[in-house]
């Protein structure tokens, strides 16, 4: 990852959220659960190889063709919205957020 400013900002924000959860609930276990959930969520959104995943969902199962070293590095112009990717991310992160919220509020 050439520019890691989004990753740094996300980790600082996660630290603030963990601190807020700790101050509100006074529970070290809930702080650790929030930290682990946050790290997994951040790593799922920020760290993947977007050149590989920036293809149609059905092409994820096929290998990526080799790139000519003389071509410039991959720079996505914008985040393309594919319906299957949107459903997959929404399902996984929605379920994780639901389980985390139930753990924090109980």
PDB file of N, CA and C in Angstrom:
ATOM      1  N   UNK A   1       0.854  -1.166   0.000  1.00  0.00           N
ATOM      2  CA  UNK A   1       0.000   0.000   0.000  1.00  0.00           C
ATOM      3  C   UNK A   1       0.900   1.228   0.000  1.00  0.00           C
ATOM      4  N   UNK A   2       0.820   1.984  -1.049  1.00  0.00           N
ATOM      5  CA  UNK A   2       1.697   3.138  -1.198  1.00  0.00           C
ATOM      6  C   UNK A   2       1.311   4.263  -0.234  1.00  0.00           C
ATOM      7  N   UNK A   3       0.045   4.590  -0.160  1.00  0.00           N
ATOM      8  CA  UNK A   3      -0.421   5.669   0.702  1.00  0.00           C
ATOM      9  C   UNK A   3      -1.212   5.051   1.846  1.00  0.00           C
ATOM     10  N   UNK A   4      -0.627   5.077   3.017  1.00  0.00           N
ATOM     11  CA  UNK A   4      -1.290   4.428   4.147  1.00  0.00           C
ATOM     12  C   UNK A   4      -1.979   5.418   5.079  1.00  0.00           C
ATOM     13  N   UNK A   5      -2.310   6.596   4.574  1.00  0.00           N
ATOM     14  CA  UNK A   5      -2.967   7.594   5.431  1.00  0.00           C
ATOM     15  C   UNK A   5      -4.363   7.146   5.847  1.00  0.00           C
ATOM     16  N   UNK A   6      -5.078   6.448   4.980  1.00  0.00           N
ATOM     17  CA  UNK A   6      -6.418   5.962   5.335  1.00  0.00           C
ATOM     18  C   UNK A   6      -6.305   4.908   6.431  1.00  0.00           C
ATOM     19  N   UNK A   7      -5.310   4.038   6.339  1.00  0.00           N
ATOM     20  CA  UNK A   7      -5.097   3.020   7.367  1.00  0.00           C
ATOM     21  C   UNK A   7      -4.750   3.672   8.703  1.00  0.00           C
ATOM     22  N   UNK A   8      -3.867   4.645   8.697  1.00  0.00           N
ATOM     23  CA  UNK A   8      -3.506   5.323   9.947  1.00  0.00           C
ATOM     24  C   UNK A   8      -4.705   6.041  10.556  1.00  0.00           C
ATOM     25  N   UNK A   9      -5.482   6.741   9.731  1.00  0.00           N
ATOM     26  CA  UNK A   9      -6.667   7.443  10.221  1.00  0.00           C
ATOM     27  C   UNK A   9      -7.671   6.452  10.814  1.00  0.00           C
ATOM     28  N   UNK A  10      -7.864   5.312  10.147  1.00  0.00           N
ATOM     29  CA  UNK A  10      -8.798   4.301  10.633  1.00  0.00           C
ATOM     30  C   UNK A  10      -8.351   3.725  11.964  1.00  0.00           C
ATOM     31  N   UNK A  11      -7.049   3.486  12.118  1.00  0.00           N
ATOM     32  CA  UNK A  11      -6.554   2.929  13.378  1.00  0.00           C
ATOM     33  C   UNK A  11      -6.650   3.931  14.530  1.00  0.00           C
ATOM     34  N   UNK A  12      -6.413   5.210  14.243  1.00  0.00           N
ATOM     35  CA  UNK A  12      -6.573   6.236  15.280  1.00  0.00           C
ATOM     36  C   UNK A  12      -8.041   6.346  15.682  1.00  0.00           C
ATOM     37  N   UNK A  13      -8.936   6.312  14.706  1.00  0.00           N
ATOM     38  CA  UNK A  13     -10.365   6.359  14.999  1.00  0.00           C
ATOM     39  C   UNK A  13     -10.794   5.129  15.803  1.00  0.00           C
ATOM     40  N   UNK A  14     -10.259   3.969  15.454  1.00  0.00           N
ATOM     41  CA  UNK A  14     -10.556   2.751  16.211  1.00  0.00           C
ATOM     42  C   UNK A  14     -10.085   2.881  17.653  1.00  0.00           C
ATOM     43  N   UNK A  15      -8.912   3.452  17.855  1.00  0.00           N
ATOM     44  CA  UNK A  15      -8.422   3.663  19.220  1.00  0.00           C
ATOM     45  C   UNK A  15      -9.352   4.562  20.024  1.00  0.00           C
ATOM     46  N   UNK A  16      -9.883   5.598  19.388  1.00  0.00           N
ATOM     47  CA  UNK A  16     -10.822   6.497  20.074  1.00  0.00           C
ATOM     48  C   UNK A  16     -12.123   5.766  20.414  1.00  0.00           C
ATOM     49  N   UNK A  17     -12.598   4.927  19.488  1.00  0.00           N
ATOM     50  CA  UNK A  17     -13.829   4.165  19.748  1.00  0.00           C
ATOM     51  C   UNK A  17     -13.607   3.174  20.890  1.00  0.00           C
ATOM     52  N   UNK A  18     -12.466   2.499  20.901  1.00  0.00           N
ATOM     53  CA  UNK A  18     -12.162   1.542  21.971  1.00  0.00           C
ATOM     54  C   UNK A  18     -12.079   2.269  23.309  1.00  0.00           C
ATOM     55  N   UNK A  19     -11.454   3.418  23.335  1.00  0.00           N
ATOM     56  CA  UNK A  19     -11.384   4.206  24.557  1.00  0.00           C
ATOM     57  C   UNK A  19     -12.776   4.633  25.024  1.00  0.00           C
ATOM     58  N   UNK A  20     -13.613   5.054  24.081  1.00  0.00           N
ATOM     59  CA  UNK A  20     -14.989   5.432  24.437  1.00  0.00           C
ATOM     60  C   UNK A  20     -15.792   4.262  24.974  1.00  0.00           C
ATOM     61  N   UNK A  21     -15.649   3.087  24.355  1.00  0.00           N
ATOM     62  CA  UNK A  21     -16.344   1.888  24.850  1.00  0.00           C
ATOM     63  C   UNK A  21     -15.859   1.547  26.246  1.00  0.00           C
ATOM     64  N   UNK A  22     -14.556   1.660  26.463  1.00  0.00           N
ATOM     65  CA  UNK A  22     -14.003   1.359  27.786  1.00  0.00           C
ATOM     66  C   UNK A  22     -14.503   2.313  28.849  1.00  0.00           C
ATOM     67  N   UNK A  23     -14.633   3.590  28.509  1.00  0.00           N
ATOM     68  CA  UNK A  23     -15.104   4.570  29.487  1.00  0.00           C
ATOM     69  C   UNK A  23     -16.595   4.412  29.766  1.00  0.00           C
ATOM     70  N   UNK A  24     -17.367   4.001  28.765  1.00  0.00           N
ATOM     71  CA  UNK A  24     -18.813   3.850  28.959  1.00  0.00           C
ATOM     72  C   UNK A  24     -19.186   2.552  29.665  1.00  0.00           C
ATOM     73  N   UNK A  25     -18.500   1.467  29.320  1.00  0.00           N
ATOM     74  CA  UNK A  25     -18.892   0.164  29.866  1.00  0.00           C
ATOM     75  C   UNK A  25     -18.024  -0.295  31.024  1.00  0.00           C
ATOM     76  N   UNK A  26     -16.839   0.300  31.200  1.00  0.00           N
ATOM     77  CA  UNK A  26     -15.881  -0.090  32.233  1.00  0.00           C
ATOM     78  C   UNK A  26     -15.571  -1.585  32.167  1.00  0.00           C
ATOM     79  N   UNK A  27     -15.462  -2.093  30.937  1.00  0.00           N
ATOM     80  CA  UNK A  27     -15.204  -3.516  30.729  1.00  0.00           C
ATOM     81  C   UNK A  27     -14.016  -3.686  29.787  1.00  0.00           C
ATOM     82  N   UNK A  28     -12.963  -4.333  30.314  1.00  0.00           N
ATOM     83  CA  UNK A  28     -11.785  -4.592  29.494  1.00  0.00           C
ATOM     84  C   UNK A  28     -12.104  -5.599  28.394  1.00  0.00           C
ATOM     85  N   UNK A  29     -12.961  -6.564  28.683  1.00  0.00           N
ATOM     86  CA  UNK A  29     -13.343  -7.573  27.694  1.00  0.00           C
ATOM     87  C   UNK A  29     -14.054  -6.933  26.506  1.00  0.00           C
ATOM     88  N   UNK A  30     -14.936  -5.984  26.764  1.00  0.00           N
ATOM     89  CA  UNK A  30     -15.654  -5.310  25.681  1.00  0.00           C
ATOM     90  C   UNK A  30     -14.722  -4.413  24.880  1.00  0.00           C
ATOM     91  N   UNK A  31     -13.708  -3.857  25.544  1.00  0.00           N
ATOM     92  CA  UNK A  31     -12.713  -3.066  24.824  1.00  0.00           C
ATOM     93  C   UNK A  31     -11.917  -3.954  23.869  1.00  0.00           C
ATOM     94  N   UNK A  32     -11.511  -5.132  24.345  1.00  0.00           N
ATOM     95  CA  UNK A  32     -10.746  -6.051  23.498  1.00  0.00           C
ATOM     96  C   UNK A  32     -11.607  -6.539  22.334  1.00  0.00           C
ATOM     97  N   UNK A  33     -12.879  -6.855  22.596  1.00  0.00           N
ATOM     98  CA  UNK A  33     -13.775  -7.308  21.534  1.00  0.00           C
ATOM     99  C   UNK A  33     -13.962  -6.211  20.481  1.00  0.00           C
ATOM    100  N   UNK A  34     -14.094  -4.976  20.919  1.00  0.00           N
ATOM    101  CA  UNK A  34     -14.230  -3.858  19.993  1.00  0.00           C
ATOM    102  C   UNK A  34     -12.955  -3.682  19.173  1.00  0.00           C
ATOM    103  N   UNK A  35     -11.814  -3.811  19.817  1.00  0.00           N
ATOM    104  CA  UNK A  35     -10.536  -3.664  19.120  1.00  0.00           C
ATOM    105  C   UNK A  35     -10.362  -4.750  18.061  1.00  0.00           C
ATOM    106  N   UNK A  36     -10.657  -6.000  18.421  1.00  0.00           N
ATOM    107  CA  UNK A  36     -10.501  -7.108  17.468  1.00  0.00           C
ATOM    108  C   UNK A  36     -11.488  -6.952  16.309  1.00  0.00           C
ATOM    109  N   UNK A  37     -12.748  -6.646  16.615  1.00  0.00           N
ATOM    110  CA  UNK A  37     -13.739  -6.441  15.558  1.00  0.00           C
ATOM    111  C   UNK A  37     -13.327  -5.289  14.654  1.00  0.00           C
ATOM    112  N   UNK A  38     -12.845  -4.208  15.239  1.00  0.00           N
ATOM    113  CA  UNK A  38     -12.413  -3.058  14.446  1.00  0.00           C
ATOM    114  C   UNK A  38     -11.230  -3.378  13.550  1.00  0.00           C
ATOM    115  N   UNK A  39     -10.260  -4.129  14.075  1.00  0.00           N
ATOM    116  CA  UNK A  39      -9.111  -4.512  13.251  1.00  0.00           C
ATOM    117  C   UNK A  39      -9.537  -5.394  12.085  1.00  0.00           C
ATOM    118  N   UNK A  40     -10.438  -6.334  12.340  1.00  0.00           N
ATOM    119  CA  UNK A  40     -10.921  -7.188  11.257  1.00  0.00           C
ATOM    120  C   UNK A  40     -11.695  -6.384  10.220  1.00  0.00           C
ATOM    121  N   UNK A  41     -12.522  -5.458  10.679  1.00  0.00           N
ATOM    122  CA  UNK A  41     -13.294  -4.633   9.747  1.00  0.00           C
ATOM    123  C   UNK A  41     -12.376  -3.734   8.913  1.00  0.00           C
ATOM    124  N   UNK A  42     -11.389  -3.122   9.564  1.00  0.00           N
ATOM    125  CA  UNK A  42     -10.461  -2.255   8.841  1.00  0.00           C
ATOM    126  C   UNK A  42      -9.635  -3.059   7.849  1.00  0.00           C
ATOM    127  N   UNK A  43      -9.153  -4.213   8.294  1.00  0.00           N
ATOM    128  CA  UNK A  43      -8.324  -5.015   7.386  1.00  0.00           C
ATOM    129  C   UNK A  43      -9.136  -5.553   6.214  1.00  0.00           C
ATOM    130  N   UNK A  44     -10.416  -5.787   6.410  1.00  0.00           N
ATOM    131  CA  UNK A  44     -11.251  -6.248   5.308  1.00  0.00           C
ATOM    132  C   UNK A  44     -11.563  -5.176   4.288  1.00  0.00           C
ATOM    133  N   UNK A  45     -11.531  -3.919   4.716  1.00  0.00           N
ATOM    134  CA  UNK A  45     -11.852  -2.827   3.789  1.00  0.00           C
ATOM    135  C   UNK A  45     -10.627  -2.123   3.211  1.00  0.00           C
ATOM    136  N   UNK A  46      -9.570  -2.014   3.980  1.00  0.00           N
ATOM    137  CA  UNK A  46      -8.442  -1.188   3.572  1.00  0.00           C
ATOM    138  C   UNK A  46      -7.289  -2.001   2.986  1.00  0.00           C
ATOM    139  N   UNK A  47      -7.053  -3.202   3.491  1.00  0.00           N
ATOM    140  CA  UNK A  47      -5.841  -3.922   3.121  1.00  0.00           C
ATOM    141  C   UNK A  47      -5.920  -4.864   1.928  1.00  0.00           C
ATOM    142  N   UNK A  48      -7.081  -5.267   1.433  1.00  0.00           N
ATOM    143  CA  UNK A  48      -7.074  -6.231   0.324  1.00  0.00           C
ATOM    144  C   UNK A  48      -6.394  -5.701  -0.930  1.00  0.00           C
ATOM    145  N   UNK A  49      -5.992  -6.626  -1.760  1.00  0.00           N
ATOM    146  CA  UNK A  49      -5.395  -6.300  -3.053  1.00  0.00           C
ATOM    147  C   UNK A  49      -6.534  -5.890  -3.986  1.00  0.00           C
ATOM    148  N   UNK A  50      -6.805  -4.582  -4.070  1.00  0.00           N
ATOM    149  CA  UNK A  50      -7.964  -4.123  -4.823  1.00  0.00           C
ATOM    150  C   UNK A  50      -7.816  -4.358  -6.305  1.00  0.00           C
ATOM    151  N   UNK A  51      -6.585  -4.496  -6.798  1.00  0.00           N
ATOM    152  CA  UNK A  51      -6.415  -4.808  -8.215  1.00  0.00           C
ATOM    153  C   UNK A  51      -7.030  -6.170  -8.516  1.00  0.00           C
ATOM    154  N   UNK A  52      -6.896  -7.105  -7.582  1.00  0.00           N
ATOM    155  CA  UNK A  52      -7.495  -8.422  -7.762  1.00  0.00           C
ATOM    156  C   UNK A  52      -9.013  -8.365  -7.586  1.00  0.00           C
ATOM    157  N   UNK A  53      -9.484  -7.686  -6.538  1.00  0.00           N
ATOM    158  CA  UNK A  53     -10.905  -7.664  -6.229  1.00  0.00           C
ATOM    159  C   UNK A  53     -11.691  -6.647  -7.036  1.00  0.00           C
ATOM    160  N   UNK A  54     -11.004  -5.793  -7.808  1.00  0.00           N
ATOM    161  CA  UNK A  54     -11.685  -4.785  -8.614  1.00  0.00           C
ATOM    162  C   UNK A  54     -12.116  -5.380  -9.959  1.00  0.00           C
ATOM    163  N   UNK A  55     -12.491  -6.620  -9.927  1.00  0.00           N
ATOM    164  CA  UNK A  55     -13.026  -7.317 -11.096  1.00  0.00           C
ATOM    165  C   UNK A  55     -14.418  -7.806 -10.725  1.00  0.00           C
ATOM    166  N   UNK A  56     -15.130  -8.318 -11.702  1.00  0.00           N
ATOM    167  CA  UNK A  56     -16.445  -8.871 -11.427  1.00  0.00           C
ATOM    168  C   UNK A  56     -16.325 -10.027 -10.431  1.00  0.00           C
ATOM    169  N   UNK A  57     -17.337 -10.204  -9.606  1.00  0.00           N
ATOM    170  CA  UNK A  57     -17.318 -11.203  -8.530  1.00  0.00           C
ATOM    171  C   UNK A  57     -16.994 -12.602  -9.052  1.00  0.00           C
ATOM    172  N   UNK A  58     -17.506 -12.950 -10.203  1.00  0.00           N
ATOM    173  CA  UNK A  58     -17.307 -14.296 -10.739  1.00  0.00           C
ATOM    174  C   UNK A  58     -15.881 -14.512 -11.241  1.00  0.00           C
ATOM    175  N   UNK A  59     -15.129 -13.471 -11.448  1.00  0.00           N
ATOM    176  CA  UNK A  59     -13.741 -13.604 -11.885  1.00  0.00           C
ATOM    177  C   UNK A  59     -12.775 -13.772 -10.717  1.00  0.00           C
ATOM    178  N   UNK A  60     -13.267 -13.663  -9.472  1.00  0.00           N
ATOM    179  CA  UNK A  60     -12.410 -13.813  -8.308  1.00  0.00           C
ATOM    180  C   UNK A  60     -11.840 -15.229  -8.206  1.00  0.00           C
ATOM    181  N   UNK A  61     -12.533 -16.188  -8.769  1.00  0.00           N
ATOM    182  CA  UNK A  61     -12.083 -17.573  -8.677  1.00  0.00           C
ATOM    183  C   UNK A  61     -11.026 -17.911  -9.721  1.00  0.00           C
ATOM    184  N   UNK A  62     -10.828 -17.061 -10.709  1.00  0.00           N
ATOM    185  CA  UNK A  62      -9.811 -17.313 -11.730  1.00  0.00           C
ATOM    186  C   UNK A  62      -8.556 -16.500 -11.399  1.00  0.00           C
ATOM    187  N   UNK A  63      -7.388 -17.021 -11.774  1.00  0.00           N
ATOM    188  CA  UNK A  63      -6.155 -16.280 -11.472  1.00  0.00           C
ATOM    189  C   UNK A  63      -6.078 -14.967 -12.230  1.00  0.00           C
ATOM    190  N   UNK A  64      -5.357 -14.060 -11.665  1.00  0.00           N
ATOM    191  CA  UNK A  64      -5.173 -12.746 -12.276  1.00  0.00           C
ATOM    192  C   UNK A  64      -4.067 -12.839 -13.324  1.00  0.00           C
ATOM    193  N   UNK A  65      -4.280 -12.295 -14.508  1.00  0.00           N
ATOM    194  CA  UNK A  65      -3.208 -12.342 -15.516  1.00  0.00           C
ATOM    195  C   UNK A  65      -1.999 -11.512 -15.071  1.00  0.00           C
ATOM    196  N   UNK A  66      -0.832 -11.940 -15.486  1.00  0.00           N
ATOM    197  CA  UNK A  66       0.396 -11.229 -15.129  1.00  0.00           C
ATOM    198  C   UNK A  66       0.426  -9.867 -15.807  1.00  0.00           C
ATOM    199  N   UNK A  67       0.956  -8.904 -15.099  1.00  0.00           N
ATOM    200  CA  UNK A  67       1.030  -7.546 -15.619  1.00  0.00           C
ATOM    201  C   UNK A  67       2.436  -7.290 -16.128  1.00  0.00           C
ATOM    202  N   UNK A  68       2.532  -6.572 -17.205  1.00  0.00           N
ATOM    203  CA  UNK A  68       3.822  -6.216 -17.777  1.00  0.00           C
ATOM    204  C   UNK A  68       4.519  -5.235 -16.833  1.00  0.00           C
ATOM    205  N   UNK A  69       5.768  -5.497 -16.441  1.00  0.00           N
ATOM    206  CA  UNK A  69       6.454  -4.602 -15.498  1.00  0.00           C
ATOM    207  C   UNK A  69       6.630  -3.175 -16.018  1.00  0.00           C
ATOM    208  N   UNK A  70       6.558  -2.994 -17.322  1.00  0.00           N
ATOM    209  CA  UNK A  70       6.743  -1.640 -17.865  1.00  0.00           C
ATOM    210  C   UNK A  70       5.480  -0.784 -17.740  1.00  0.00           C
ATOM    211  N   UNK A  71       4.342  -1.414 -17.413  1.00  0.00           N
ATOM    212  CA  UNK A  71       3.107  -0.638 -17.250  1.00  0.00           C
ATOM    213  C   UNK A  71       3.093   0.021 -15.872  1.00  0.00           C
ATOM    214  N   UNK A  72       2.427   1.145 -15.748  1.00  0.00           N
ATOM    215  CA  UNK A  72       2.394   1.825 -14.441  1.00  0.00           C
ATOM    216  C   UNK A  72       1.604   1.016 -13.417  1.00  0.00           C
ATOM    217  N   UNK A  73       1.808   1.345 -12.155  1.00  0.00           N
ATOM    218  CA  UNK A  73       1.127   0.652 -11.065  1.00  0.00           C
ATOM    219  C   UNK A  73      -0.373   0.889 -11.148  1.00  0.00           C
ATOM    220  N   UNK A  74      -1.118  -0.033 -10.575  1.00  0.00           N
ATOM    221  CA  UNK A  74      -2.579   0.040 -10.600  1.00  0.00           C
ATOM    222  C   UNK A  74      -3.052   1.164  -9.697  1.00  0.00           C
ATOM    223  N   UNK A  75      -3.867   2.038 -10.231  1.00  0.00           N
ATOM    224  CA  UNK A  75      -4.492   3.129  -9.465  1.00  0.00           C
ATOM    225  C   UNK A  75      -5.972   3.153  -9.802  1.00  0.00           C
ATOM    226  N   UNK A  76      -6.830   2.677  -8.903  1.00  0.00           N
ATOM    227  CA  UNK A  76      -8.260   2.703  -9.214  1.00  0.00           C
ATOM    228  C   UNK A  76      -8.777   4.140  -9.256  1.00  0.00           C
ATOM    229  N   UNK A  77      -9.567   4.429 -10.250  1.00  0.00           N
ATOM    230  CA  UNK A  77     -10.136   5.765 -10.387  1.00  0.00           C
ATOM    231  C   UNK A  77     -11.239   5.980  -9.358  1.00  0.00           C
ATOM    232  N   UNK A  78     -12.024   4.961  -9.139  1.00  0.00           N
ATOM    233  CA  UNK A  78     -13.105   5.038  -8.155  1.00  0.00           C
ATOM    234  C   UNK A  78     -13.470   3.621  -7.757  1.00  0.00           C
ATOM    235  N   UNK A  79     -14.233   3.501  -6.704  1.00  0.00           N
ATOM    236  CA  UNK A  79     -14.668   2.197  -6.232  1.00  0.00           C
ATOM    237  C   UNK A  79     -15.867   1.761  -7.070  1.00  0.00           C
ATOM    238  N   UNK A  80     -15.691   0.717  -7.848  1.00  0.00           N
ATOM    239  CA  UNK A  80     -16.781   0.227  -8.685  1.00  0.00           C
ATOM    240  C   UNK A  80     -17.740  -0.589  -7.834  1.00  0.00           C
ATOM    241  N   UNK A  81     -19.009  -0.399  -8.054  1.00  0.00           N
ATOM    242  CA  UNK A  81     -20.024  -1.104  -7.276  1.00  0.00           C
ATOM    243  C   UNK A  81     -20.545  -2.271  -8.093  1.00  0.00           C
ATOM    244  N   UNK A  82     -20.222  -3.475  -7.634  1.00  0.00           N
ATOM    245  CA  UNK A  82     -20.755  -4.696  -8.216  1.00  0.00           C
ATOM    246  C   UNK A  82     -21.799  -5.236  -7.250  1.00  0.00           C
ATOM    247  N   UNK A  83     -22.952  -5.677  -7.736  1.00  0.00           N
ATOM    248  CA  UNK A  83     -24.018  -6.130  -6.832  1.00  0.00           C
ATOM    249  C   UNK A  83     -23.601  -7.282  -5.913  1.00  0.00           C
ATOM    250  N   UNK A  84     -22.883  -8.273  -6.439  1.00  0.00           N
ATOM    251  CA  UNK A  84     -22.505  -9.413  -5.600  1.00  0.00           C
ATOM    252  C   UNK A  84     -21.509  -9.001  -4.519  1.00  0.00           C
ATOM    253  N   UNK A  85     -20.575  -8.116  -4.858  1.00  0.00           N
ATOM    254  CA  UNK A  85     -19.618  -7.645  -3.860  1.00  0.00           C
ATOM    255  C   UNK A  85     -20.338  -6.838  -2.785  1.00  0.00           C
ATOM    256  N   UNK A  86     -21.289  -6.023  -3.185  1.00  0.00           N
ATOM    257  CA  UNK A  86     -22.050  -5.233  -2.230  1.00  0.00           C
ATOM    258  C   UNK A  86     -22.852  -6.132  -1.297  1.00  0.00           C
ATOM    259  N   UNK A  87     -23.479  -7.165  -1.835  1.00  0.00           N
ATOM    260  CA  UNK A  87     -24.237  -8.110  -1.007  1.00  0.00           C
ATOM    261  C   UNK A  87     -23.305  -8.846  -0.054  1.00  0.00           C
ATOM    262  N   UNK A  88     -22.150  -9.276  -0.541  1.00  0.00           N
ATOM    263  CA  UNK A  88     -21.198 -10.006   0.296  1.00  0.00           C
ATOM    264  C   UNK A  88     -20.684  -9.131   1.434  1.00  0.00           C
ATOM    265  N   UNK A  89     -20.238  -7.918   1.130  1.00  0.00           N
ATOM    266  CA  UNK A  89     -19.752  -7.024   2.176  1.00  0.00           C
ATOM    267  C   UNK A  89     -20.856  -6.657   3.168  1.00  0.00           C
ATOM    268  N   UNK A  90     -22.047  -6.361   2.670  1.00  0.00           N
ATOM    269  CA  UNK A  90     -23.149  -5.990   3.549  1.00  0.00           C
ATOM    270  C   UNK A  90     -23.521  -7.130   4.479  1.00  0.00           C
ATOM    271  N   UNK A  91     -23.549  -8.345   3.966  1.00  0.00           N
ATOM    272  CA  UNK A  91     -23.895  -9.495   4.796  1.00  0.00           C
ATOM    273  C   UNK A  91     -22.846  -9.739   5.876  1.00  0.00           C
ATOM    274  N   UNK A  92     -21.597  -9.774   5.489  1.00  0.00           N
ATOM    275  CA  UNK A  92     -20.528 -10.075   6.446  1.00  0.00           C
ATOM    276  C   UNK A  92     -20.407  -8.982   7.501  1.00  0.00           C
ATOM    277  N   UNK A  93     -20.333  -7.728   7.069  1.00  0.00           N
ATOM    278  CA  UNK A  93     -20.173  -6.642   8.029  1.00  0.00           C
ATOM    279  C   UNK A  93     -21.441  -6.377   8.820  1.00  0.00           C
ATOM    280  N   UNK A  94     -22.599  -6.575   8.230  1.00  0.00           N
ATOM    281  CA  UNK A  94     -23.846  -6.424   8.979  1.00  0.00           C
ATOM    282  C   UNK A  94     -23.973  -7.449  10.086  1.00  0.00           C
ATOM    283  N   UNK A  95     -23.645  -8.709   9.783  1.00  0.00           N
ATOM    284  CA  UNK A  95     -23.709  -9.759  10.808  1.00  0.00           C
ATOM    285  C   UNK A  95     -22.676  -9.500  11.909  1.00  0.00           C
ATOM    286  N   UNK A  96     -21.467  -9.097  11.516  1.00  0.00           N
ATOM    287  CA  UNK A  96     -20.435  -8.808  12.518  1.00  0.00           C
ATOM    288  C   UNK A  96     -20.818  -7.637  13.403  1.00  0.00           C
ATOM    289  N   UNK A  97     -21.373  -6.590  12.814  1.00  0.00           N
ATOM    290  CA  UNK A  97     -21.806  -5.429  13.591  1.00  0.00           C
ATOM    291  C   UNK A  97     -22.960  -5.790  14.522  1.00  0.00           C
ATOM    292  N   UNK A  98     -23.874  -6.624  14.057  1.00  0.00           N
ATOM    293  CA  UNK A  98     -24.988  -7.078  14.885  1.00  0.00           C
ATOM    294  C   UNK A  98     -24.487  -7.856  16.108  1.00  0.00           C
ATOM    295  N   UNK A  99     -23.572  -8.811  15.883  1.00  0.00           N
ATOM    296  CA  UNK A  99     -23.045  -9.608  16.995  1.00  0.00           C
ATOM    297  C   UNK A  99     -22.243  -8.733  17.957  1.00  0.00           C
ATOM    298  N   UNK A 100     -21.457  -7.798  17.415  1.00  0.00           N
ATOM    299  CA  UNK A 100     -20.681  -6.905  18.268  1.00  0.00           C
ATOM    300  C   UNK A 100     -21.616  -6.033  19.107  1.00  0.00           C
ATOM    301  N   UNK A 101     -22.651  -5.479  18.512  1.00  0.00           N
ATOM    302  CA  UNK A 101     -23.581  -4.614  19.232  1.00  0.00           C
ATOM    303  C   UNK A 101     -24.294  -5.396  20.342  1.00  0.00           C
ATOM    304  N   UNK A 102     -24.709  -6.625  20.058  1.00  0.00           N
ATOM    305  CA  UNK A 102     -25.341  -7.438  21.096  1.00  0.00           C
ATOM    306  C   UNK A 102     -24.376  -7.715  22.249  1.00  0.00           C
ATOM    307  N   UNK A 103     -23.115  -7.944  21.946  1.00  0.00           N
ATOM    308  CA  UNK A 103     -22.128  -8.189  23.004  1.00  0.00           C
ATOM    309  C   UNK A 103     -21.886  -6.936  23.832  1.00  0.00           C
ATOM    310  N   UNK A 104     -21.796  -5.788  23.191  1.00  0.00           N
ATOM    311  CA  UNK A 104     -21.510  -4.544  23.905  1.00  0.00           C
ATOM    312  C   UNK A 104     -22.689  -4.118  24.785  1.00  0.00           C
ATOM    313  N   UNK A 105     -23.900  -4.289  24.293  1.00  0.00           N
ATOM    314  CA  UNK A 105     -25.065  -3.798  25.055  1.00  0.00           C
ATOM    315  C   UNK A 105     -25.502  -4.745  26.157  1.00  0.00           C
ATOM    316  N   UNK A 106     -25.020  -5.968  26.171  1.00  0.00           N
ATOM    317  CA  UNK A 106     -25.407  -6.901  27.251  1.00  0.00           C
ATOM    318  C   UNK A 106     -24.392  -6.894  28.360  1.00  0.00           C
TER     319      UNK A 106
END
